[in-house]
Amino acid sequence: MSAFDAEYEPSPWEPIANEVELYETSGGTAPSEMVGDQWIILWTLGAKSGKVRKTPLVRVADDEGRYAIVGSQGGAPTNPQWVHNVRANPVARLQDGPTVSEFTVREATGDDKAVWWERAAAIWPDYNNYQASTERQIPLFVLEPDGQ
């Protein structure tokens, strides 16, 4: 049994809940109004509630089954809630098209973060603008497939 069998609680912010529903009903084939054509759904466990939370994010992946998730929140002064969740529970489930997989999460730093950041900014160039517009260091996390 997976921790992600817990109850799902949709985002209280309707645009996020609607994007998740769009992704799930289209199998990830419909474009996102928030994060473009290349997107995934991140599942995290609520740090306090233990409930499943789902967030649409830009798809950043390598050729080895790993993904990166960027806590940009459009350059806002605070991190998105999912950052707190993965720091408290460093596991995630991703839906990438029809494929759903579980991952171990680690926060990237130094050269590792720089490599992943460059990869992410190549897909979503606004990440560089977001970092320039905030004083906080935007966190980036690498998702390693379970079993590796």
Protein backbone atom coordinates (compact mmCIF):
# COMPACT_ATOMS: atom_id res chain seq x y z
CA MET A 1 0.00 0.00 0.00
CA SER A 2 1.26 3.46 -0.93
CA ALA A 3 1.14 6.60 1.16
CA PHE A 4 -0.56 8.12 -1.87
CA ASP A 5 -3.63 5.98 -1.28
CA ALA A 6 -4.57 8.65 1.28
CA GLU A 7 -7.57 10.90 0.71
CA TYR A 8 -7.15 13.50 -2.05
CA GLU A 9 -8.00 17.07 -1.13
CA PRO A 10 -8.29 19.37 -4.17
CA SER A 11 -6.60 22.75 -4.02
CA PRO A 12 -8.74 25.46 -2.44
CA TRP A 13 -7.56 27.71 -5.30
CA GLU A 14 -9.99 26.85 -8.09
CA PRO A 15 -7.60 27.41 -11.05
CA ILE A 16 -5.25 24.73 -9.66
CA ALA A 17 -8.08 22.28 -8.99
CA ASN A 18 -9.40 22.89 -12.53
CA GLU A 19 -5.98 22.30 -14.11
CA VAL A 20 -5.59 19.01 -12.23
CA GLU A 21 -9.03 17.90 -13.38
CA LEU A 22 -8.20 18.88 -16.99
CA TYR A 23 -4.98 16.86 -16.87
CA GLU A 24 -6.61 13.81 -15.38
CA THR A 25 -9.58 13.82 -17.76
CA SER A 26 -7.38 14.35 -20.84
CA GLY A 27 -4.56 12.03 -19.78
CA GLY A 28 -2.23 15.00 -19.96
CA THR A 29 -2.93 15.69 -23.65
CA ALA A 30 -4.76 19.01 -23.22
CA PRO A 31 -2.48 22.05 -22.81
CA SER A 32 -2.38 23.83 -19.48
CA GLU A 33 -3.34 27.47 -19.30
CA MET A 34 -0.86 27.90 -16.43
CA VAL A 35 2.18 25.83 -17.37
CA GLY A 36 2.01 25.24 -21.15
CA ASP A 37 2.02 22.10 -23.26
CA GLN A 38 4.71 20.14 -21.40
CA TRP A 39 3.31 19.53 -17.97
CA ILE A 40 2.91 16.97 -15.21
CA ILE A 41 0.86 16.57 -12.07
CA LEU A 42 2.85 16.43 -8.83
CA TRP A 43 1.29 14.52 -5.94
CA THR A 44 2.56 15.38 -2.46
CA LEU A 45 1.43 14.49 1.03
CA GLY A 46 0.18 17.39 3.13
CA ALA A 47 2.73 18.09 5.86
CA LYS A 48 0.01 18.49 8.48
CA SER A 49 -3.04 16.76 7.00
CA GLY A 50 -1.35 13.74 5.42
CA LYS A 51 -3.83 14.14 2.55
CA VAL A 52 -2.82 13.90 -1.09
CA ARG A 53 -2.31 17.28 -2.76
CA LYS A 54 -1.95 17.65 -6.53
CA THR A 55 -0.21 20.47 -8.37
CA PRO A 56 0.27 21.11 -12.10
CA LEU A 57 3.91 21.87 -12.93
CA VAL A 58 6.17 22.29 -15.95
CA ARG A 59 7.60 18.94 -17.11
CA VAL A 60 11.39 18.91 -16.60
CA ALA A 61 12.96 15.48 -17.06
CA ASP A 62 16.19 13.78 -18.07
CA ASP A 63 16.84 10.55 -19.98
CA GLU A 64 17.21 8.49 -16.81
CA GLY A 65 13.67 8.70 -15.45
CA ARG A 66 14.36 11.63 -13.13
CA TYR A 67 12.38 14.85 -12.95
CA ALA A 68 12.94 18.28 -11.47
CA ILE A 69 10.27 20.41 -9.84
CA VAL A 70 10.81 24.14 -9.38
CA GLY A 71 9.22 26.03 -6.47
CA SER A 72 8.96 29.29 -8.38
CA GLN A 73 5.40 30.39 -7.64
CA GLY A 74 5.88 32.95 -10.40
CA GLY A 75 8.62 34.73 -8.44
CA ALA A 76 6.40 35.36 -5.42
CA PRO A 77 8.16 36.17 -2.12
CA THR A 78 7.09 32.82 -0.60
CA ASN A 79 7.43 29.21 -1.67
CA PRO A 80 4.43 27.29 -2.95
CA GLN A 81 2.82 25.03 -0.34
CA TRP A 82 4.05 21.87 -2.06
CA VAL A 83 7.65 22.86 -1.17
CA HIS A 84 6.79 22.61 2.53
CA ASN A 85 5.10 19.27 1.85
CA VAL A 86 8.09 17.65 0.09
CA ARG A 87 10.50 18.96 2.70
CA ALA A 88 8.35 17.36 5.41
CA ASN A 89 7.64 14.16 3.40
CA PRO A 90 10.36 13.69 0.74
CA VAL A 91 8.27 11.44 -1.49
CA ALA A 92 6.17 12.23 -4.54
CA ARG A 93 4.01 10.67 -7.17
CA LEU A 94 3.99 12.10 -10.67
CA GLN A 95 1.53 11.67 -13.47
CA ASP A 96 3.30 12.19 -16.79
CA GLY A 97 0.69 11.56 -19.47
CA PRO A 98 -0.83 8.15 -18.73
CA THR A 99 2.14 7.08 -16.59
CA VAL A 100 1.96 7.40 -12.80
CA SER A 101 5.15 6.70 -10.82
CA GLU A 102 6.48 7.19 -7.30
CA PHE A 103 9.69 8.99 -6.43
CA THR A 104 12.05 9.91 -3.66
CA VAL A 105 12.60 13.68 -3.47
CA ARG A 106 15.80 15.55 -2.69
CA GLU A 107 16.51 19.25 -2.75
CA ALA A 108 19.20 20.11 -5.31
CA THR A 109 22.08 22.43 -4.41
CA GLY A 110 25.30 23.68 -5.98
CA ASP A 111 26.31 22.28 -9.36
CA ASP A 112 23.47 19.76 -9.27
CA LYS A 113 20.94 22.58 -8.97
CA ALA A 114 22.71 24.61 -11.68
CA VAL A 115 22.48 21.73 -14.18
CA TRP A 116 18.82 21.09 -13.46
CA TRP A 117 18.03 24.83 -13.42
CA GLU A 118 19.53 25.23 -16.88
CA ARG A 119 17.45 22.29 -18.11
CA ALA A 120 14.30 23.77 -16.52
CA ALA A 121 14.92 27.28 -17.89
CA ALA A 122 15.38 25.84 -21.39
CA ILE A 123 11.80 24.55 -21.17
CA TRP A 124 10.31 27.47 -19.20
CA PRO A 125 12.56 30.56 -19.66
CA ASP A 126 10.49 32.59 -17.18
CA TYR A 127 12.17 30.68 -14.33
CA ASN A 128 15.13 33.07 -14.73
CA ASN A 129 12.78 36.07 -14.57
CA TYR A 130 11.06 34.63 -11.50
CA GLN A 131 14.40 34.25 -9.70
CA ALA A 132 15.40 37.80 -10.66
CA SER A 133 12.13 39.17 -9.27
CA THR A 134 12.40 37.67 -5.77
CA GLU A 135 14.93 37.83 -2.94
CA ARG A 136 14.38 34.20 -1.95
CA GLN A 137 16.37 31.42 -3.57
CA ILE A 138 13.83 29.46 -5.58
CA PRO A 139 14.13 25.83 -4.52
CA LEU A 140 14.56 23.03 -7.04
CA PHE A 141 13.97 19.39 -6.18
CA VAL A 142 15.07 16.28 -8.04
CA LEU A 143 12.75 13.28 -8.11
CA GLU A 144 14.51 9.94 -8.27
CA PRO A 145 12.44 6.91 -9.30
CA ASP A 146 11.73 4.56 -6.41
CA GLY A 147 14.02 1.55 -6.54
CA GLN A 148 17.07 3.41 -7.87
